[in-house]
C-alpha cells in the first residue's frame, strides 16, 4: 500500500513488489486451474471408459441371456420328447404282444 511521504523510488519499488505478487498469484491460479482441468479430463475419460465397459458388459449379458433362453428351449424340447418316448414304447410293446398272440 502506498503511503504519504514515500519517495517516487519507494512507490516504484512497492508497485513492482505488488505487481510481482499479483503475477505470482495469477501464475499459481493458472497452474492450479490447469491441474484441476487435467483432473476433470481424467475423471471424464475414466467415466467414459466405465460407460463403454458397462455397455460392452450389457451386450455380453444380453448375448448370454439369449444363449441361455435357446438352451432352455432345447432342454424343454428334449424333455417333451423324453415324456413321449415311454408312451411310444408302450404302444410298440402292445402292438408286438398283439402280433404275437
PDB file of N, CA and C in Angstrom:
ATOM      1  N   UNK A   1       0.841  -1.172   0.000  1.00  0.00           N
ATOM      2  CA  UNK A   1       0.000   0.000   0.000  1.00  0.00           C
ATOM      3  C   UNK A   1       0.892   1.243   0.000  1.00  0.00           C
ATOM      4  N   UNK A   2       0.521   2.187  -0.799  1.00  0.00           N
ATOM      5  CA  UNK A   2       1.306   3.416  -0.930  1.00  0.00           C
ATOM      6  C   UNK A   2       0.881   4.382   0.178  1.00  0.00           C
ATOM      7  N   UNK A   3       1.892   4.975   0.838  1.00  0.00           N
ATOM      8  CA  UNK A   3       1.613   5.891   1.940  1.00  0.00           C
ATOM      9  C   UNK A   3       2.147   7.281   1.601  1.00  0.00           C
ATOM     10  N   UNK A   4       1.631   8.286   2.298  1.00  0.00           N
ATOM     11  CA  UNK A   4       2.139   9.649   2.133  1.00  0.00           C
ATOM     12  C   UNK A   4       3.576   9.711   2.631  1.00  0.00           C
ATOM     13  N   UNK A   5       4.356  10.460   1.989  1.00  0.00           N
ATOM     14  CA  UNK A   5       5.742  10.638   2.408  1.00  0.00           C
ATOM     15  C   UNK A   5       6.689   9.664   1.749  1.00  0.00           C
ATOM     16  N   UNK A   6       6.186   8.779   0.905  1.00  0.00           N
ATOM     17  CA  UNK A   6       7.061   7.836   0.206  1.00  0.00           C
ATOM     18  C   UNK A   6       7.681   8.548  -0.985  1.00  0.00           C
ATOM     19  N   UNK A   7       8.905   8.208  -1.274  1.00  0.00           N
ATOM     20  CA  UNK A   7       9.560   8.793  -2.440  1.00  0.00           C
ATOM     21  C   UNK A   7       9.092   8.053  -3.684  1.00  0.00           C
ATOM     22  N   UNK A   8       9.394   8.646  -4.828  1.00  0.00           N
ATOM     23  CA  UNK A   8       8.999   8.037  -6.093  1.00  0.00           C
ATOM     24  C   UNK A   8       9.645   6.659  -6.225  1.00  0.00           C
ATOM     25  N   UNK A   9      10.884   6.527  -5.816  1.00  0.00           N
ATOM     26  CA  UNK A   9      11.580   5.240  -5.886  1.00  0.00           C
ATOM     27  C   UNK A   9      10.912   4.197  -5.003  1.00  0.00           C
ATOM     28  N   UNK A  10      10.510   4.612  -3.802  1.00  0.00           N
ATOM     29  CA  UNK A  10       9.835   3.683  -2.889  1.00  0.00           C
ATOM     30  C   UNK A  10       8.485   3.258  -3.461  1.00  0.00           C
ATOM     31  N   UNK A  11       7.771   4.239  -4.049  1.00  0.00           N
ATOM     32  CA  UNK A  11       6.471   3.932  -4.657  1.00  0.00           C
ATOM     33  C   UNK A  11       6.666   2.951  -5.808  1.00  0.00           C
ATOM     34  N   UNK A  12       7.726   3.213  -6.603  1.00  0.00           N
ATOM     35  CA  UNK A  12       8.015   2.334  -7.737  1.00  0.00           C
ATOM     36  C   UNK A  12       8.351   0.923  -7.243  1.00  0.00           C
ATOM     37  N   UNK A  13       9.189   0.828  -6.208  1.00  0.00           N
ATOM     38  CA  UNK A  13       9.555  -0.484  -5.650  1.00  0.00           C
ATOM     39  C   UNK A  13       8.329  -1.203  -5.086  1.00  0.00           C
ATOM     40  N   UNK A  14       7.530  -0.468  -4.352  1.00  0.00           N
ATOM     41  CA  UNK A  14       6.322  -1.057  -3.747  1.00  0.00           C
ATOM     42  C   UNK A  14       5.365  -1.541  -4.839  1.00  0.00           C
ATOM     43  N   UNK A  15       5.204  -0.720  -5.895  1.00  0.00           N
ATOM     44  CA  UNK A  15       4.320  -1.087  -7.002  1.00  0.00           C
ATOM     45  C   UNK A  15       4.838  -2.339  -7.699  1.00  0.00           C
ATOM     46  N   UNK A  16       6.158  -2.369  -7.949  1.00  0.00           N
ATOM     47  CA  UNK A  16       6.753  -3.548  -8.587  1.00  0.00           C
ATOM     48  C   UNK A  16       6.580  -4.797  -7.724  1.00  0.00           C
ATOM     49  N   UNK A  17       6.731  -4.623  -6.412  1.00  0.00           N
ATOM     50  CA  UNK A  17       6.555  -5.760  -5.498  1.00  0.00           C
ATOM     51  C   UNK A  17       5.116  -6.268  -5.556  1.00  0.00           C
ATOM     52  N   UNK A  18       4.160  -5.357  -5.529  1.00  0.00           N
ATOM     53  CA  UNK A  18       2.751  -5.757  -5.588  1.00  0.00           C
ATOM     54  C   UNK A  18       2.413  -6.383  -6.939  1.00  0.00           C
ATOM     55  N   UNK A  19       2.980  -5.833  -8.034  1.00  0.00           N
ATOM     56  CA  UNK A  19       2.772  -6.427  -9.354  1.00  0.00           C
ATOM     57  C   UNK A  19       3.368  -7.828  -9.408  1.00  0.00           C
ATOM     58  N   UNK A  20       4.547  -7.993  -8.795  1.00  0.00           N
ATOM     59  CA  UNK A  20       5.168  -9.321  -8.736  1.00  0.00           C
ATOM     60  C   UNK A  20       4.300 -10.301  -7.969  1.00  0.00           C
ATOM     61  N   UNK A  21       3.758  -9.836  -6.841  1.00  0.00           N
ATOM     62  CA  UNK A  21       2.871 -10.700  -6.054  1.00  0.00           C
ATOM     63  C   UNK A  21       1.629 -11.079  -6.857  1.00  0.00           C
ATOM     64  N   UNK A  22       1.050 -10.090  -7.551  1.00  0.00           N
ATOM     65  CA  UNK A  22      -0.131 -10.379  -8.373  1.00  0.00           C
ATOM     66  C   UNK A  22       0.218 -11.335  -9.509  1.00  0.00           C
ATOM     67  N   UNK A  23       1.391 -11.127 -10.129  1.00  0.00           N
ATOM     68  CA  UNK A  23       1.827 -12.015 -11.207  1.00  0.00           C
ATOM     69  C   UNK A  23       1.985 -13.438 -10.682  1.00  0.00           C
ATOM     70  N   UNK A  24       2.588 -13.571  -9.494  1.00  0.00           N
ATOM     71  CA  UNK A  24       2.746 -14.901  -8.891  1.00  0.00           C
ATOM     72  C   UNK A  24       1.380 -15.537  -8.628  1.00  0.00           C
ATOM     73  N   UNK A  25       0.465 -14.752  -8.069  1.00  0.00           N
ATOM     74  CA  UNK A  25      -0.872 -15.279  -7.787  1.00  0.00           C
ATOM     75  C   UNK A  25      -1.581 -15.711  -9.069  1.00  0.00           C
ATOM     76  N   UNK A  26      -1.422 -14.925 -10.137  1.00  0.00           N
ATOM     77  CA  UNK A  26      -2.052 -15.278 -11.421  1.00  0.00           C
ATOM     78  C   UNK A  26      -1.453 -16.564 -11.963  1.00  0.00           C
ATOM     79  N   UNK A  27      -0.095 -16.672 -11.940  1.00  0.00           N
ATOM     80  CA  UNK A  27       0.549 -17.894 -12.437  1.00  0.00           C
ATOM     81  C   UNK A  27       0.143 -19.108 -11.600  1.00  0.00           C
ATOM     82  N   UNK A  28       0.077 -18.912 -10.276  1.00  0.00           N
ATOM     83  CA  UNK A  28      -0.326 -20.008  -9.391  1.00  0.00           C
ATOM     84  C   UNK A  28      -1.766 -20.436  -9.693  1.00  0.00           C
ATOM     85  N   UNK A  29      -2.657 -19.455  -9.880  1.00  0.00           N
ATOM     86  CA  UNK A  29      -4.061 -19.767 -10.177  1.00  0.00           C
ATOM     87  C   UNK A  29      -4.175 -20.494 -11.517  1.00  0.00           C
ATOM     88  N   UNK A  30      -3.374 -20.057 -12.515  1.00  0.00           N
ATOM     89  CA  UNK A  30      -3.400 -20.742 -13.810  1.00  0.00           C
ATOM     90  C   UNK A  30      -2.915 -22.182 -13.676  1.00  0.00           C
ATOM     91  N   UNK A  31      -1.836 -22.354 -12.908  1.00  0.00           N
ATOM     92  CA  UNK A  31      -1.293 -23.701 -12.711  1.00  0.00           C
ATOM     93  C   UNK A  31      -2.320 -24.585 -11.998  1.00  0.00           C
ATOM     94  N   UNK A  32      -2.950 -24.051 -10.967  1.00  0.00           N
ATOM     95  CA  UNK A  32      -3.982 -24.811 -10.251  1.00  0.00           C
ATOM     96  C   UNK A  32      -5.152 -25.133 -11.171  1.00  0.00           C
ATOM     97  N   UNK A  33      -5.540 -24.150 -11.980  1.00  0.00           N
ATOM     98  CA  UNK A  33      -6.634 -24.383 -12.928  1.00  0.00           C
ATOM     99  C   UNK A  33      -6.245 -25.489 -13.908  1.00  0.00           C
ATOM    100  N   UNK A  34      -4.994 -25.448 -14.384  1.00  0.00           N
ATOM    101  CA  UNK A  34      -4.515 -26.484 -15.302  1.00  0.00           C
ATOM    102  C   UNK A  34      -4.553 -27.859 -14.665  1.00  0.00           C
ATOM    103  N   UNK A  35      -4.121 -27.943 -13.398  1.00  0.00           N
ATOM    104  CA  UNK A  35      -4.153 -29.236 -12.697  1.00  0.00           C
ATOM    105  C   UNK A  35      -5.586 -29.724 -12.528  1.00  0.00           C
ATOM    106  N   UNK A  36      -6.457 -28.804 -12.122  1.00  0.00           N
ATOM    107  CA  UNK A  36      -7.855 -29.197 -11.924  1.00  0.00           C
ATOM    108  C   UNK A  36      -8.502 -29.570 -13.244  1.00  0.00           C
ATOM    109  N   UNK A  37      -8.178 -28.811 -14.299  1.00  0.00           N
ATOM    110  CA  UNK A  37      -8.736 -29.124 -15.617  1.00  0.00           C
ATOM    111  C   UNK A  37      -8.255 -30.497 -16.065  1.00  0.00           C
ATOM    112  N   UNK A  38      -6.965 -30.779 -15.823  1.00  0.00           N
ATOM    113  CA  UNK A  38      -6.426 -32.100 -16.162  1.00  0.00           C
ATOM    114  C   UNK A  38      -7.110 -33.199 -15.378  1.00  0.00           C
ATOM    115  N   UNK A  39      -7.361 -32.931 -14.099  1.00  0.00           N
ATOM    116  CA  UNK A  39      -8.049 -33.933 -13.278  1.00  0.00           C
ATOM    117  C   UNK A  39      -9.472 -34.158 -13.764  1.00  0.00           C
ATOM    118  N   UNK A  40     -10.141 -33.065 -14.139  1.00  0.00           N
ATOM    119  CA  UNK A  40     -11.505 -33.192 -14.664  1.00  0.00           C
ATOM    120  C   UNK A  40     -11.492 -34.021 -15.945  1.00  0.00           C
ATOM    121  N   UNK A  41     -10.504 -33.759 -16.818  1.00  0.00           N
ATOM    122  CA  UNK A  41     -10.398 -34.550 -18.050  1.00  0.00           C
ATOM    123  C   UNK A  41     -10.149 -36.020 -17.731  1.00  0.00           C
ATOM    124  N   UNK A  42      -9.289 -36.294 -16.738  1.00  0.00           N
ATOM    125  CA  UNK A  42      -9.033 -37.686 -16.337  1.00  0.00           C
ATOM    126  C   UNK A  42     -10.307 -38.350 -15.825  1.00  0.00           C
ATOM    127  N   UNK A  43     -11.062 -37.615 -15.012  1.00  0.00           N
ATOM    128  CA  UNK A  43     -12.310 -38.164 -14.468  1.00  0.00           C
ATOM    129  C   UNK A  43     -13.300 -38.421 -15.597  1.00  0.00           C
ATOM    130  N   UNK A  44     -13.405 -37.468 -16.536  1.00  0.00           N
ATOM    131  CA  UNK A  44     -14.318 -37.665 -17.667  1.00  0.00           C
ATOM    132  C   UNK A  44     -13.901 -38.871 -18.498  1.00  0.00           C
ATOM    133  N   UNK A  45     -12.594 -39.008 -18.737  1.00  0.00           N
ATOM    134  CA  UNK A  45     -12.096 -40.144 -19.519  1.00  0.00           C
ATOM    135  C   UNK A  45     -12.420 -41.456 -18.800  1.00  0.00           C
ATOM    136  N   UNK A  46     -12.186 -41.483 -17.495  1.00  0.00           N
ATOM    137  CA  UNK A  46     -12.492 -42.680 -16.707  1.00  0.00           C
ATOM    138  C   UNK A  46     -13.980 -42.989 -16.751  1.00  0.00           C
ATOM    139  N   UNK A  47     -14.792 -41.946 -16.659  1.00  0.00           N
ATOM    140  CA  UNK A  47     -16.242 -42.130 -16.702  1.00  0.00           C
ATOM    141  C   UNK A  47     -16.675 -42.702 -18.044  1.00  0.00           C
ATOM    142  N   UNK A  48     -16.126 -42.168 -19.143  1.00  0.00           N
ATOM    143  CA  UNK A  48     -16.486 -42.684 -20.464  1.00  0.00           C
ATOM    144  C   UNK A  48     -16.024 -44.123 -20.641  1.00  0.00           C
ATOM    145  N   UNK A  49     -14.843 -44.442 -20.088  1.00  0.00           N
ATOM    146  CA  UNK A  49     -14.365 -45.826 -20.164  1.00  0.00           C
ATOM    147  C   UNK A  49     -15.301 -46.749 -19.387  1.00  0.00           C
ATOM    148  N   UNK A  50     -15.763 -46.282 -18.221  1.00  0.00           N
ATOM    149  CA  UNK A  50     -16.684 -47.090 -17.419  1.00  0.00           C
ATOM    150  C   UNK A  50     -18.011 -47.278 -18.149  1.00  0.00           C
ATOM    151  N   UNK A  51     -18.496 -46.216 -18.791  1.00  0.00           N
ATOM    152  CA  UNK A  51     -19.749 -46.318 -19.549  1.00  0.00           C
ATOM    153  C   UNK A  51     -19.587 -47.300 -20.695  1.00  0.00           C
ATOM    154  N   UNK A  52     -18.460 -47.201 -21.408  1.00  0.00           N
ATOM    155  CA  UNK A  52     -18.206 -48.103 -22.532  1.00  0.00           C
ATOM    156  C   UNK A  52     -18.098 -49.547 -22.054  1.00  0.00           C
ATOM    157  N   UNK A  53     -17.399 -49.745 -20.931  1.00  0.00           N
ATOM    158  CA  UNK A  53     -17.273 -51.094 -20.370  1.00  0.00           C
ATOM    159  C   UNK A  53     -18.635 -51.632 -19.958  1.00  0.00           C
ATOM    160  N   UNK A  54     -19.443 -50.779 -19.327  1.00  0.00           N
ATOM    161  CA  UNK A  54     -20.782 -51.211 -18.910  1.00  0.00           C
ATOM    162  C   UNK A  54     -21.630 -51.581 -20.123  1.00  0.00           C
ATOM    163  N   UNK A  55     -21.509 -50.779 -21.196  1.00  0.00           N
ATOM    164  CA  UNK A  55     -22.268 -51.070 -22.411  1.00  0.00           C
ATOM    165  C   UNK A  55     -21.823 -52.415 -22.987  1.00  0.00           C
ATOM    166  N   UNK A  56     -20.505 -52.632 -23.029  1.00  0.00           N
ATOM    167  CA  UNK A  56     -19.971 -53.896 -23.543  1.00  0.00           C
ATOM    168  C   UNK A  56     -20.432 -55.060 -22.679  1.00  0.00           C
ATOM    169  N   UNK A  57     -20.368 -54.877 -21.354  1.00  0.00           N
ATOM    170  CA  UNK A  57     -20.812 -55.937 -20.448  1.00  0.00           C
ATOM    171  C   UNK A  57     -22.303 -56.197 -20.628  1.00  0.00           C
ATOM    172  N   UNK A  58     -23.072 -55.124 -20.834  1.00  0.00           N
ATOM    173  CA  UNK A  58     -24.509 -55.284 -21.070  1.00  0.00           C
ATOM    174  C   UNK A  58     -24.777 -56.090 -22.330  1.00  0.00           C
ATOM    175  N   UNK A  59     -23.974 -55.834 -23.370  1.00  0.00           N
ATOM    176  CA  UNK A  59     -24.135 -56.592 -24.614  1.00  0.00           C
ATOM    177  C   UNK A  59     -23.777 -58.059 -24.391  1.00  0.00           C
ATOM    178  N   UNK A  60     -22.720 -58.297 -23.611  1.00  0.00           N
ATOM    179  CA  UNK A  60     -22.331 -59.680 -23.320  1.00  0.00           C
ATOM    180  C   UNK A  60     -23.428 -60.383 -22.527  1.00  0.00           C
ATOM    181  N   UNK A  61     -23.982 -59.682 -21.543  1.00  0.00           N
ATOM    182  CA  UNK A  61     -25.052 -60.261 -20.732  1.00  0.00           C
ATOM    183  C   UNK A  61     -26.256 -60.576 -21.607  1.00  0.00           C
ATOM    184  N   UNK A  62     -26.588 -59.663 -22.517  1.00  0.00           N
ATOM    185  CA  UNK A  62     -27.720 -59.885 -23.417  1.00  0.00           C
ATOM    186  C   UNK A  62     -27.482 -61.115 -24.286  1.00  0.00           C
ATOM    187  N   UNK A  63     -26.259 -61.252 -24.800  1.00  0.00           N
ATOM    188  CA  UNK A  63     -25.933 -62.425 -25.623  1.00  0.00           C
ATOM    189  C   UNK A  63     -26.028 -63.702 -24.795  1.00  0.00           C
ATOM    190  N   UNK A  64     -25.539 -63.654 -23.555  1.00  0.00           N
ATOM    191  CA  UNK A  64     -25.618 -64.833 -22.685  1.00  0.00           C
ATOM    192  C   UNK A  64     -27.064 -65.177 -22.346  1.00  0.00           C
ATOM    193  N   UNK A  65     -27.887 -64.157 -22.127  1.00  0.00           N
ATOM    194  CA  UNK A  65     -29.305 -64.409 -21.852  1.00  0.00           C
ATOM    195  C   UNK A  65     -29.971 -65.087 -23.040  1.00  0.00           C
ATOM    196  N   UNK A  66     -29.634 -64.627 -24.253  1.00  0.00           N
ATOM    197  CA  UNK A  66     -30.189 -65.233 -25.470  1.00  0.00           C
ATOM    198  C   UNK A  66     -29.750 -66.684 -25.584  1.00  0.00           C
ATOM    199  N   UNK A  67     -28.460 -66.931 -25.340  1.00  0.00           N
ATOM    200  CA  UNK A  67     -27.953 -68.306 -25.402  1.00  0.00           C
ATOM    201  C   UNK A  67     -28.648 -69.180 -24.361  1.00  0.00           C
ATOM    202  N   UNK A  68     -28.837 -68.638 -23.161  1.00  0.00           N
ATOM    203  CA  UNK A  68     -29.498 -69.389 -22.096  1.00  0.00           C
ATOM    204  C   UNK A  68     -30.941 -69.701 -22.470  1.00  0.00           C
ATOM    205  N   UNK A  69     -31.636 -68.740 -23.055  1.00  0.00           N
ATOM    206  CA  UNK A  69     -33.022 -68.971 -23.481  1.00  0.00           C
ATOM    207  C   UNK A  69     -33.076 -70.056 -24.553  1.00  0.00           C
ATOM    208  N   UNK A  70     -32.115 -70.032 -25.486  1.00  0.00           N
ATOM    209  CA  UNK A  70     -32.065 -71.070 -26.522  1.00  0.00           C
ATOM    210  C   UNK A  70     -31.815 -72.445 -25.907  1.00  0.00           C
ATOM    211  N   UNK A  71     -30.893 -72.516 -24.954  1.00  0.00           N
ATOM    212  CA  UNK A  71     -30.612 -73.788 -24.278  1.00  0.00           C
ATOM    213  C   UNK A  71     -31.845 -74.283 -23.526  1.00  0.00           C
ATOM    214  N   UNK A  72     -32.549 -73.356 -22.879  1.00  0.00           N
ATOM    215  CA  UNK A  72     -33.763 -73.717 -22.144  1.00  0.00           C
ATOM    216  C   UNK A  72     -34.797 -74.306 -23.098  1.00  0.00           C
ATOM    217  N   UNK A  73     -34.981 -73.662 -24.242  1.00  0.00           N
ATOM    218  CA  UNK A  73     -35.940 -74.171 -25.231  1.00  0.00           C
ATOM    219  C   UNK A  73     -35.541 -75.552 -25.724  1.00  0.00           C
ATOM    220  N   UNK A  74     -34.241 -75.746 -25.980  1.00  0.00           N
ATOM    221  CA  UNK A  74     -33.774 -77.059 -26.431  1.00  0.00           C
ATOM    222  C   UNK A  74     -34.018 -78.118 -25.359  1.00  0.00           C
ATOM    223  N   UNK A  75     -33.763 -77.768 -24.096  1.00  0.00           N
ATOM    224  CA  UNK A  75     -33.989 -78.713 -22.997  1.00  0.00           C
ATOM    225  C   UNK A  75     -35.470 -79.056 -22.861  1.00  0.00           C
ATOM    226  N   UNK A  76     -36.325 -78.045 -22.984  1.00  0.00           N
ATOM    227  CA  UNK A  76     -37.760 -78.304 -22.898  1.00  0.00           C
ATOM    228  C   UNK A  76     -38.206 -79.227 -24.020  1.00  0.00           C
ATOM    229  N   UNK A  77     -37.650 -79.039 -25.203  1.00  0.00           N
ATOM    230  CA  UNK A  77     -37.980 -79.906 -26.329  1.00  0.00           C
ATOM    231  C   UNK A  77     -37.505 -81.333 -26.059  1.00  0.00           C
ATOM    232  N   UNK A  78     -36.295 -81.454 -25.509  1.00  0.00           N
ATOM    233  CA  UNK A  78     -35.774 -82.794 -25.173  1.00  0.00           C
ATOM    234  C   UNK A  78     -36.655 -83.467 -24.126  1.00  0.00           C
ATOM    235  N   UNK A  79     -37.067 -82.723 -23.097  1.00  0.00           N
ATOM    236  CA  UNK A  79     -37.927 -83.300 -22.064  1.00  0.00           C
ATOM    237  C   UNK A  79     -39.267 -83.724 -22.647  1.00  0.00           C
ATOM    238  N   UNK A  80     -39.793 -82.898 -23.551  1.00  0.00           N
ATOM    239  CA  UNK A  80     -41.058 -83.266 -24.196  1.00  0.00           C
ATOM    240  C   UNK A  80     -40.901 -84.568 -24.962  1.00  0.00           C
ATOM    241  N   UNK A  81     -39.785 -84.683 -25.679  1.00  0.00           N
ATOM    242  CA  UNK A  81     -39.516 -85.920 -26.420  1.00  0.00           C
ATOM    243  C   UNK A  81     -39.344 -87.102 -25.471  1.00  0.00           C
ATOM    244  N   UNK A  82     -38.691 -86.861 -24.333  1.00  0.00           N
ATOM    245  CA  UNK A  82     -38.487 -87.942 -23.362  1.00  0.00           C
ATOM    246  C   UNK A  82     -39.812 -88.377 -22.743  1.00  0.00           C
ATOM    247  N   UNK A  83     -40.710 -87.419 -22.513  1.00  0.00           N
ATOM    248  CA  UNK A  83     -42.012 -87.763 -21.955  1.00  0.00           C
ATOM    249  C   UNK A  83     -42.821 -88.586 -22.948  1.00  0.00           C
ATOM    250  N   UNK A  84     -42.663 -88.274 -24.219  1.00  0.00           N
ATOM    251  CA  UNK A  84     -43.412 -89.001 -25.244  1.00  0.00           C
ATOM    252  C   UNK A  84     -42.818 -90.386 -25.496  1.00  0.00           C
ATOM    253  N   UNK A  85     -41.546 -90.574 -25.230  1.00  0.00           N
ATOM    254  CA  UNK A  85     -40.870 -91.843 -25.526  1.00  0.00           C
ATOM    255  C   UNK A  85     -41.495 -93.034 -24.795  1.00  0.00           C
ATOM    256  N   UNK A  86     -41.791 -92.971 -23.488  1.00  0.00           N
ATOM    257  CA  UNK A  86     -42.404 -94.129 -22.823  1.00  0.00           C
ATOM    258  C   UNK A  86     -43.761 -94.491 -23.418  1.00  0.00           C
ATOM    259  N   UNK A  87     -44.533 -93.473 -23.795  1.00  0.00           N
ATOM    260  CA  UNK A  87     -45.832 -93.754 -24.410  1.00  0.00           C
ATOM    261  C   UNK A  87     -45.651 -94.479 -25.736  1.00  0.00           C
ATOM    262  N   UNK A  88     -44.679 -94.050 -26.501  1.00  0.00           N
ATOM    263  CA  UNK A  88     -44.392 -94.712 -27.775  1.00  0.00           C
ATOM    264  C   UNK A  88     -43.929 -96.147 -27.537  1.00  0.00           C
ATOM    265  N   UNK A  89     -43.096 -96.337 -26.510  1.00  0.00           N
ATOM    266  CA  UNK A  89     -42.628 -97.699 -26.196  1.00  0.00           C
ATOM    267  C   UNK A  89     -43.788 -98.598 -25.770  1.00  0.00           C
ATOM    268  N   UNK A  90     -44.688 -98.054 -24.945  1.00  0.00           N
ATOM    269  CA  UNK A  90     -45.849 -98.837 -24.517  1.00  0.00           C
ATOM    270  C   UNK A  90     -46.703 -99.236 -25.717  1.00  0.00           C
ATOM    271  N   UNK A  91     -46.913 -98.311 -26.641  1.00  0.00           N
ATOM    272  CA  UNK A  91     -47.677 -98.629 -27.852  1.00  0.00           C
ATOM    273  C   UNK A  91     -46.991 -99.734 -28.638  1.00  0.00           C
ATOM    274  N   UNK A  92     -45.675 -99.617 -28.769  1.00  0.00           N
ATOM    275  CA  UNK A  92     -44.915-100.615 -29.522  1.00  0.00           C
ATOM    276  C   UNK A  92     -44.994-101.979 -28.850  1.00  0.00           C
ATOM    277  N   UNK A  93     -44.883-102.004 -27.511  1.00  0.00           N
ATOM    278  CA  UNK A  93     -44.978-103.273 -26.768  1.00  0.00           C
ATOM    279  C   UNK A  93     -46.358-103.883 -26.962  1.00  0.00           C
ATOM    280  N   UNK A  94     -47.420-103.073 -26.840  1.00  0.00           N
ATOM    281  CA  UNK A  94     -48.780-103.579 -27.047  1.00  0.00           C
ATOM    282  C   UNK A  94     -48.948-104.145 -28.451  1.00  0.00           C
ATOM    283  N   UNK A  95     -48.440-103.427 -29.414  1.00  0.00           N
ATOM    284  CA  UNK A  95     -48.540-103.878 -30.802  1.00  0.00           C
ATOM    285  C   UNK A  95     -47.835-105.220 -30.993  1.00  0.00           C
ATOM    286  N   UNK A  96     -46.612-105.317 -30.440  1.00  0.00           N
ATOM    287  CA  UNK A  96     -45.856-106.571 -30.582  1.00  0.00           C
ATOM    288  C   UNK A  96     -46.547-107.726 -29.855  1.00  0.00           C
ATOM    289  N   UNK A  97     -47.146-107.470 -28.700  1.00  0.00           N
ATOM    290  CA  UNK A  97     -47.857-108.524 -27.966  1.00  0.00           C
ATOM    291  C   UNK A  97     -49.079-108.987 -28.754  1.00  0.00           C
ATOM    292  N   UNK A  98     -49.763-108.030 -29.342  1.00  0.00           N
ATOM    293  CA  UNK A  98     -50.935-108.401 -30.136  1.00  0.00           C
ATOM    294  C   UNK A  98     -50.530-109.227 -31.348  1.00  0.00           C
ATOM    295  N   UNK A  99     -49.451-108.880 -31.969  1.00  0.00           N
ATOM    296  CA  UNK A  99     -48.989-109.641 -33.132  1.00  0.00           C
ATOM    297  C   UNK A  99     -48.577-111.050 -32.731  1.00  0.00           C
ATOM    298  N   UNK A 100     -47.991-111.159 -31.563  1.00  0.00           N
ATOM    299  CA  UNK A 100     -47.529-112.459 -31.102  1.00  0.00           C
ATOM    300  C   UNK A 100     -48.716-113.365 -30.783  1.00  0.00           C
ATOM    301  N   UNK A 101     -49.729-112.779 -30.268  1.00  0.00           N
ATOM    302  CA  UNK A 101     -50.897-113.590 -29.906  1.00  0.00           C
ATOM    303  C   UNK A 101     -51.672-113.855 -31.113  1.00  0.00           C
TER     304      UNK A 101
END
